[in-house]
N, C-alpha and C. Protein backbone atom coordinates (compact mmCIF):
# COMPACT_ATOMS: atom_id res chain seq x y z
N MET A 1 99.95 91.87 111.76
CA MET A 1 99.35 92.87 110.61
C MET A 1 97.88 92.08 110.19
N ASN A 2 97.18 92.99 110.43
CA ASN A 2 95.52 92.85 110.18
C ASN A 2 95.11 92.66 109.07
N MET A 3 94.67 91.22 108.43
CA MET A 3 94.78 90.84 107.14
C MET A 3 93.41 91.83 106.11
N THR A 4 93.42 93.04 106.68
CA THR A 4 92.37 93.78 105.74
C THR A 4 92.99 94.98 105.56
N GLU A 5 94.08 94.75 105.97
CA GLU A 5 94.91 96.23 105.93
C GLU A 5 96.14 96.15 104.79
N PHE A 6 96.65 96.98 104.12
CA PHE A 6 97.70 97.17 103.20
C PHE A 6 98.97 97.12 104.18
N LEU A 7 100.50 97.08 103.52
CA LEU A 7 101.25 96.75 104.19
C LEU A 7 101.49 98.28 104.98
N SER A 8 102.42 97.71 106.35
CA SER A 8 102.69 98.97 106.91
C SER A 8 103.98 99.01 107.53
N TRP A 9 104.69 100.16 107.76
CA TRP A 9 106.04 99.88 108.13
C TRP A 9 106.48 98.97 109.38
N SER A 10 105.64 98.43 110.12
CA SER A 10 106.01 98.17 111.05
C SER A 10 106.01 96.21 110.74
N PHE A 11 105.20 96.04 109.72
CA PHE A 11 105.17 94.77 109.07
C PHE A 11 106.19 94.55 108.22
N LEU A 12 106.58 95.58 107.61
CA LEU A 12 107.95 95.44 106.60
C LEU A 12 109.09 95.44 107.26
N ALA A 13 108.87 95.50 108.64
CA ALA A 13 110.08 95.52 109.40
C ALA A 13 110.60 94.22 110.04
N THR A 14 109.35 93.46 109.57
CA THR A 14 109.41 91.86 110.14
C THR A 14 110.37 91.10 109.36
N PHE A 15 110.85 90.02 109.34
CA PHE A 15 111.24 89.00 108.62
C PHE A 15 110.79 88.70 107.70
N VAL A 16 109.10 88.52 107.81
CA VAL A 16 108.31 87.66 106.90
C VAL A 16 107.82 89.08 106.17
N GLY A 17 107.70 90.05 106.54
CA GLY A 17 107.21 91.17 105.98
C GLY A 17 108.41 91.69 104.88
N ALA A 18 109.48 91.34 105.40
CA ALA A 18 110.64 91.70 104.21
C ALA A 18 110.69 90.73 103.23
N ALA A 19 110.93 89.90 103.52
CA ALA A 19 111.02 88.69 102.65
C ALA A 19 109.86 88.77 101.65
N ALA A 20 108.78 88.87 102.09
CA ALA A 20 107.16 88.97 101.51
C ALA A 20 107.95 89.88 100.02
N VAL A 21 108.06 91.56 100.44
CA VAL A 21 108.07 92.44 100.00
C VAL A 21 109.66 92.08 99.25
N THR A 22 110.50 91.63 99.23
CA THR A 22 111.65 91.65 98.83
C THR A 22 111.47 90.32 97.64
N SER A 23 110.88 89.64 97.71
CA SER A 23 110.32 88.68 96.65
C SER A 23 109.31 88.93 95.75
N LEU A 24 108.67 89.91 95.74
CA LEU A 24 107.50 90.35 95.09
C LEU A 24 108.02 91.35 94.47
N LEU A 25 109.24 92.23 94.92
CA LEU A 25 110.28 93.77 93.76
C LEU A 25 110.80 92.95 92.91
N THR A 26 111.35 91.89 93.78
CA THR A 26 112.30 90.94 92.78
C THR A 26 112.58 90.60 91.57
N GLN A 27 110.87 89.83 91.51
CA GLN A 27 109.98 89.44 90.47
C GLN A 27 109.81 90.29 89.69
N PHE A 28 109.16 91.59 90.12
CA PHE A 28 108.37 92.57 89.51
C PHE A 28 109.86 93.43 88.59
N LEU A 29 110.93 93.42 89.21
CA LEU A 29 111.90 94.41 88.75
C LEU A 29 113.11 93.97 87.52
N LYS A 30 113.43 92.27 88.14
CA LYS A 30 114.57 91.65 87.34
C LYS A 30 114.55 91.43 86.06
N ASN A 31 113.12 91.80 85.40
CA ASN A 31 113.38 92.04 83.79
C ASN A 31 113.21 93.51 83.43
N ILE A 32 113.58 94.32 83.75
CA ILE A 32 113.44 95.54 83.40
C ILE A 32 114.71 96.53 83.29
N GLY A 33 115.07 96.57 81.78
CA GLY A 33 116.14 97.83 81.81
C GLY A 33 117.35 97.02 82.20
N VAL A 34 118.50 98.01 82.82
CA VAL A 34 119.74 97.83 83.26
C VAL A 34 119.44 96.49 84.02
N LEU A 35 118.24 96.43 85.02
CA LEU A 35 118.44 95.55 85.99
C LEU A 35 118.35 94.09 85.69
N SER A 36 117.98 93.95 84.38
CA SER A 36 117.62 92.78 83.82
C SER A 36 119.21 91.97 83.65
N LYS A 37 120.20 93.06 83.56
CA LYS A 37 121.76 92.17 83.13
C LYS A 37 122.16 92.16 84.70
N MET A 38 121.58 92.04 85.57
CA MET A 38 122.14 91.69 86.98
C MET A 38 121.54 90.37 87.33
N PRO A 39 122.82 89.96 88.17
CA PRO A 39 122.56 88.55 88.90
C PRO A 39 120.94 88.66 89.72
N THR A 40 119.85 87.89 89.44
CA THR A 40 118.63 87.98 90.23
C THR A 40 119.20 87.68 91.74
N GLN A 41 120.20 86.84 92.23
CA GLN A 41 120.35 86.90 93.89
C GLN A 41 121.07 88.30 94.30
N ALA A 42 121.78 88.96 93.30
CA ALA A 42 122.30 90.50 93.80
C ALA A 42 121.39 91.50 93.86
N LEU A 43 120.38 91.42 92.70
CA LEU A 43 119.01 92.44 93.01
C LEU A 43 118.28 92.09 94.08
N SER A 44 118.13 90.62 94.53
CA SER A 44 117.03 90.27 95.59
C SER A 44 118.19 90.98 97.03
N TYR A 45 119.48 90.78 96.76
CA TYR A 45 120.14 91.44 97.90
C TYR A 45 120.06 93.04 97.97
N LEU A 46 120.15 93.67 97.11
CA LEU A 46 120.12 94.97 97.07
C LEU A 46 118.43 95.48 97.62
N ILE A 47 117.61 95.06 97.19
CA ILE A 47 116.28 95.10 97.36
C ILE A 47 116.02 94.72 98.84
N ALA A 48 116.61 93.55 99.54
CA ALA A 48 116.24 93.45 100.87
C ALA A 48 116.73 94.46 101.77
N LEU A 49 118.24 94.82 101.36
CA LEU A 49 118.98 95.94 102.07
C LEU A 49 118.24 97.19 102.32
N PHE A 50 117.93 97.60 101.15
CA PHE A 50 116.74 98.92 100.78
C PHE A 50 115.61 99.05 101.97
N VAL A 51 114.92 97.53 101.64
CA VAL A 51 113.52 97.35 102.16
C VAL A 51 114.17 97.79 104.10
N LEU A 52 115.08 96.87 104.40
CA LEU A 52 115.21 97.24 105.78
C LEU A 52 115.54 98.55 106.08
N LEU A 53 116.80 99.27 105.08
CA LEU A 53 117.09 100.61 105.91
C LEU A 53 115.86 101.18 105.93
N ILE A 54 115.07 101.16 104.85
CA ILE A 54 114.01 101.95 105.23
C ILE A 54 112.84 101.63 106.18
N SER A 55 112.70 100.73 106.41
CA SER A 55 111.57 100.32 107.50
C SER A 55 112.11 100.36 108.66
N THR A 56 113.87 100.55 109.04
CA THR A 56 114.35 100.46 110.36
C THR A 56 114.43 102.01 110.52
N ALA A 57 114.43 102.87 109.32
CA ALA A 57 114.26 104.01 109.53
C ALA A 57 113.22 104.58 109.98
N ALA A 58 111.90 104.26 109.42
CA ALA A 58 110.59 104.61 109.52
C ALA A 58 110.12 104.22 110.64
N THR A 59 110.67 103.20 111.05
CA THR A 59 109.82 102.44 112.59
C THR A 59 110.78 103.09 114.06
N GLY A 60 111.99 103.29 113.45
CA GLY A 60 112.79 103.57 114.74
C GLY A 60 113.56 104.64 114.51
N GLY A 61 113.45 105.41 113.42
CA GLY A 61 114.48 106.87 113.08
C GLY A 61 115.93 106.44 113.01
N PHE A 62 116.08 107.72 112.42
CA PHE A 62 117.62 107.38 112.06
C PHE A 62 118.49 107.61 113.44
N LEU A 63 118.08 107.79 114.67
CA LEU A 63 118.94 108.14 115.72
C LEU A 63 119.10 106.64 116.67
N GLN A 64 118.71 105.53 115.86
CA GLN A 64 119.02 104.24 116.77
C GLN A 64 120.72 104.40 116.51
N PRO A 65 120.90 103.05 117.60
CA PRO A 65 122.32 102.71 117.96
C PRO A 65 122.87 102.20 116.39
N TRP A 66 124.35 102.41 116.56
CA TRP A 66 124.72 101.84 115.52
C TRP A 66 124.65 100.61 115.22
N THR A 67 124.56 99.94 116.62
CA THR A 67 124.38 98.54 116.60
C THR A 67 123.31 98.03 115.82
N VAL A 68 122.26 98.85 115.61
CA VAL A 68 121.15 98.72 114.86
C VAL A 68 121.35 98.42 113.57
N TRP A 69 122.04 100.02 112.66
CA TRP A 69 122.33 99.52 111.82
C TRP A 69 123.55 98.75 111.29
N ALA A 70 124.15 98.25 111.84
CA ALA A 70 125.26 97.55 111.53
C ALA A 70 124.75 96.02 111.23
N LEU A 71 123.80 95.77 111.69
CA LEU A 71 123.01 94.00 111.60
C LEU A 71 121.99 94.23 110.29
N ILE A 72 121.90 95.52 109.69
CA ILE A 72 120.73 95.47 108.50
C ILE A 72 121.44 94.67 107.42
N PRO A 73 123.00 94.78 106.66
CA PRO A 73 123.26 94.03 105.82
C PRO A 73 123.28 92.57 106.28
N PHE A 74 123.49 92.15 107.18
CA PHE A 74 123.33 90.59 107.82
C PHE A 74 121.76 89.92 107.38
N ASN A 75 121.17 90.80 107.66
CA ASN A 75 119.95 90.35 107.83
C ASN A 75 118.94 90.58 106.79
N ALA A 76 119.87 91.11 105.97
CA ALA A 76 119.59 91.59 104.55
C ALA A 76 119.76 90.17 103.53
N VAL A 77 120.69 89.32 103.80
CA VAL A 77 121.14 88.12 103.44
C VAL A 77 120.36 87.11 103.72
N LEU A 78 119.84 87.32 105.04
CA LEU A 78 118.90 86.12 105.42
C LEU A 78 117.54 86.36 104.66
N VAL A 79 116.87 88.10 104.63
CA VAL A 79 115.95 88.01 104.18
C VAL A 79 116.05 87.54 102.48
N SER A 80 117.06 87.96 101.79
CA SER A 80 117.29 87.96 100.17
C SER A 80 117.28 86.30 100.16
N THR A 81 118.02 85.43 100.72
CA THR A 81 118.42 84.21 100.21
C THR A 81 117.17 83.46 100.78
N SER A 82 115.90 83.73 101.84
CA SER A 82 114.81 83.61 102.52
C SER A 82 113.80 83.34 100.89
N SER A 83 114.06 84.89 100.47
CA SER A 83 112.93 85.19 99.03
C SER A 83 113.08 84.21 98.02
N ASN A 84 114.35 84.15 97.62
CA ASN A 84 114.75 83.40 96.42
C ASN A 84 114.52 81.95 96.48
N GLY A 85 114.59 81.47 97.83
CA GLY A 85 114.46 79.97 98.34
C GLY A 85 112.97 79.81 98.37
N ALA A 86 112.02 80.47 98.55
CA ALA A 86 110.57 80.76 98.73
C ALA A 86 110.29 80.24 96.95
N TYR A 87 110.84 81.74 96.24
CA TYR A 87 110.39 81.69 94.71
C TYR A 87 110.61 80.47 94.34
N GLN A 88 112.03 79.98 94.40
CA GLN A 88 112.55 78.99 93.86
C GLN A 88 111.53 77.18 94.29
N ALA A 89 111.01 77.12 95.34
CA ALA A 89 110.33 76.13 95.70
C ALA A 89 108.87 76.30 95.16
N ILE A 90 108.48 77.72 94.74
CA ILE A 90 107.19 77.63 93.74
C ILE A 90 107.36 77.10 92.75
N VAL A 91 108.22 77.44 92.02
CA VAL A 91 108.26 77.32 90.51
C VAL A 91 108.68 76.00 90.54
N ARG A 92 109.59 75.04 91.61
CA ARG A 92 109.98 73.56 91.88
C ARG A 92 108.28 72.77 92.14
N THR A 93 107.46 73.28 92.59
CA THR A 93 106.12 72.85 92.90
C THR A 93 105.09 72.90 91.59
N LYS A 94 105.49 74.21 90.83
CA LYS A 94 104.67 74.34 90.14
C LYS A 94 104.99 73.28 88.78
N GLY A 95 106.43 72.89 88.55
CA GLY A 95 106.81 72.21 87.49
C GLY A 95 106.35 70.83 88.15
N LYS A 96 106.14 70.34 88.84
CA LYS A 96 105.55 69.03 89.15
C LYS A 96 104.03 68.63 89.22
N SER A 97 103.18 69.78 88.64
CA SER A 97 101.87 69.70 88.68
C SER A 97 101.21 68.77 87.54
């Protein structure tokens, strides 16, 4: 991804892109309405799942083999836990300053 561009579907389909967007959307949405009652880790997983589903569809189309789609829930766990861990690391280091 060129740093002079906004997000692209191909960037969202990568681990780093999905984790970054998941982290940003989780922090933005976690205190809004009904979502504020949901545990943050569950919200993060649902966001990661959604990001991976739409980016997979956008980059490869819906006609991809079932094996690609079957891995998305597992990859969403990795993306979600990574984005949660990155946020906690920032909070932890910010508290030490």
